[in-house]
């Protein structure tokens, strides 16, 4: 997983797995591309920091 996963809005704690999991709505093709293509970042990444989002809008 990417270091960016820690700050992603889709990163959530799963009590059954006892670990953080990605809850982005992706199909098998998206998951395969994400795990095998090291050149690009995650297309589903959304920053969970509200202040940074607001600063970007200004």
C-alpha atoms as a PDB file:
ATOM      1  CA  UNK A   1       0.000   0.000   0.000  1.00  0.00           C
ATOM      2  CA  UNK A   2       0.999   3.521  -0.600  1.00  0.00           C
ATOM      3  CA  UNK A   3       2.113   5.904   2.101  1.00  0.00           C
ATOM      4  CA  UNK A   4      -0.761   8.090   0.964  1.00  0.00           C
ATOM      5  CA  UNK A   5      -3.267   5.503   2.206  1.00  0.00           C
ATOM      6  CA  UNK A   6      -2.793   6.794   5.750  1.00  0.00           C
ATOM      7  CA  UNK A   7      -4.330  10.152   4.805  1.00  0.00           C
ATOM      8  CA  UNK A   8      -6.968   8.870   2.378  1.00  0.00           C
ATOM      9  CA  UNK A   9     -10.653   9.266   3.138  1.00  0.00           C
ATOM     10  CA  UNK A  10     -11.270   5.672   1.955  1.00  0.00           C
ATOM     11  CA  UNK A  11      -8.849   4.177   4.506  1.00  0.00           C
ATOM     12  CA  UNK A  12     -10.959   2.717   7.322  1.00  0.00           C
ATOM     13  CA  UNK A  13     -10.466   0.347  10.249  1.00  0.00           C
ATOM     14  CA  UNK A  14     -11.999  -3.099   9.743  1.00  0.00           C
ATOM     15  CA  UNK A  15     -12.702  -4.866  13.026  1.00  0.00           C
ATOM     16  CA  UNK A  16     -12.946  -8.297  11.379  1.00  0.00           C
ATOM     17  CA  UNK A  17      -9.537  -7.973   9.709  1.00  0.00           C
ATOM     18  CA  UNK A  18      -8.113  -5.940  12.622  1.00  0.00           C
ATOM     19  CA  UNK A  19      -6.340  -3.723  10.114  1.00  0.00           C
ATOM     20  CA  UNK A  20      -6.967  -0.726   7.896  1.00  0.00           C
ATOM     21  CA  UNK A  21      -8.577  -1.496   4.536  1.00  0.00           C
ATOM     22  CA  UNK A  22      -9.413   0.536   1.461  1.00  0.00           C
ATOM     23  CA  UNK A  23     -13.142   1.081   1.042  1.00  0.00           C
ATOM     24  CA  UNK A  24     -12.970   2.706  -2.393  1.00  0.00           C
ATOM     25  CA  UNK A  25     -15.507   1.301  -4.832  1.00  0.00           C
ATOM     26  CA  UNK A  26     -13.255  -0.463  -7.352  1.00  0.00           C
ATOM     27  CA  UNK A  27     -13.639  -3.517  -9.529  1.00  0.00           C
ATOM     28  CA  UNK A  28     -11.107  -6.300 -10.125  1.00  0.00           C
ATOM     29  CA  UNK A  29      -9.457  -4.478 -13.045  1.00  0.00           C
ATOM     30  CA  UNK A  30      -8.945  -1.321 -10.968  1.00  0.00           C
ATOM     31  CA  UNK A  31      -7.484  -3.345  -8.104  1.00  0.00           C
ATOM     32  CA  UNK A  32      -5.111  -5.192 -10.453  1.00  0.00           C
ATOM     33  CA  UNK A  33      -3.900  -1.928 -12.026  1.00  0.00           C
ATOM     34  CA  UNK A  34      -3.395  -0.376  -8.599  1.00  0.00           C
ATOM     35  CA  UNK A  35      -1.331  -3.307  -7.319  1.00  0.00           C
ATOM     36  CA  UNK A  36       0.796  -3.858 -10.444  1.00  0.00           C
ATOM     37  CA  UNK A  37       1.436  -0.365 -11.858  1.00  0.00           C
ATOM     38  CA  UNK A  38       4.113   1.288  -9.738  1.00  0.00           C
ATOM     39  CA  UNK A  39       4.370   4.358 -11.999  1.00  0.00           C
ATOM     40  CA  UNK A  40       1.081   5.986 -11.135  1.00  0.00           C
ATOM     41  CA  UNK A  41      -0.598   6.901  -7.890  1.00  0.00           C
ATOM     42  CA  UNK A  42      -3.937   5.689  -6.690  1.00  0.00           C
ATOM     43  CA  UNK A  43      -6.748   7.133  -8.839  1.00  0.00           C
ATOM     44  CA  UNK A  44      -9.147   6.839  -5.889  1.00  0.00           C
ATOM     45  CA  UNK A  45      -7.057   8.855  -3.423  1.00  0.00           C
ATOM     46  CA  UNK A  46      -8.983  11.652  -1.688  1.00  0.00           C
ATOM     47  CA  UNK A  47      -7.294  13.669   1.049  1.00  0.00           C
ATOM     48  CA  UNK A  48      -9.014  13.372   4.421  1.00  0.00           C
ATOM     49  CA  UNK A  49      -7.532  16.668   5.651  1.00  0.00           C
ATOM     50  CA  UNK A  50     -10.389  19.196   5.383  1.00  0.00           C
ATOM     51  CA  UNK A  51      -8.089  22.167   5.947  1.00  0.00           C
ATOM     52  CA  UNK A  52      -5.868  21.258   3.000  1.00  0.00           C
ATOM     53  CA  UNK A  53      -8.903  20.885   0.757  1.00  0.00           C
ATOM     54  CA  UNK A  54     -10.145  24.359   1.736  1.00  0.00           C
ATOM     55  CA  UNK A  55      -6.692  25.904   1.217  1.00  0.00           C
ATOM     56  CA  UNK A  56      -6.651  24.443  -2.290  1.00  0.00           C
ATOM     57  CA  UNK A  57     -10.029  26.026  -3.096  1.00  0.00           C
ATOM     58  CA  UNK A  58      -8.906  29.532  -2.108  1.00  0.00           C
END
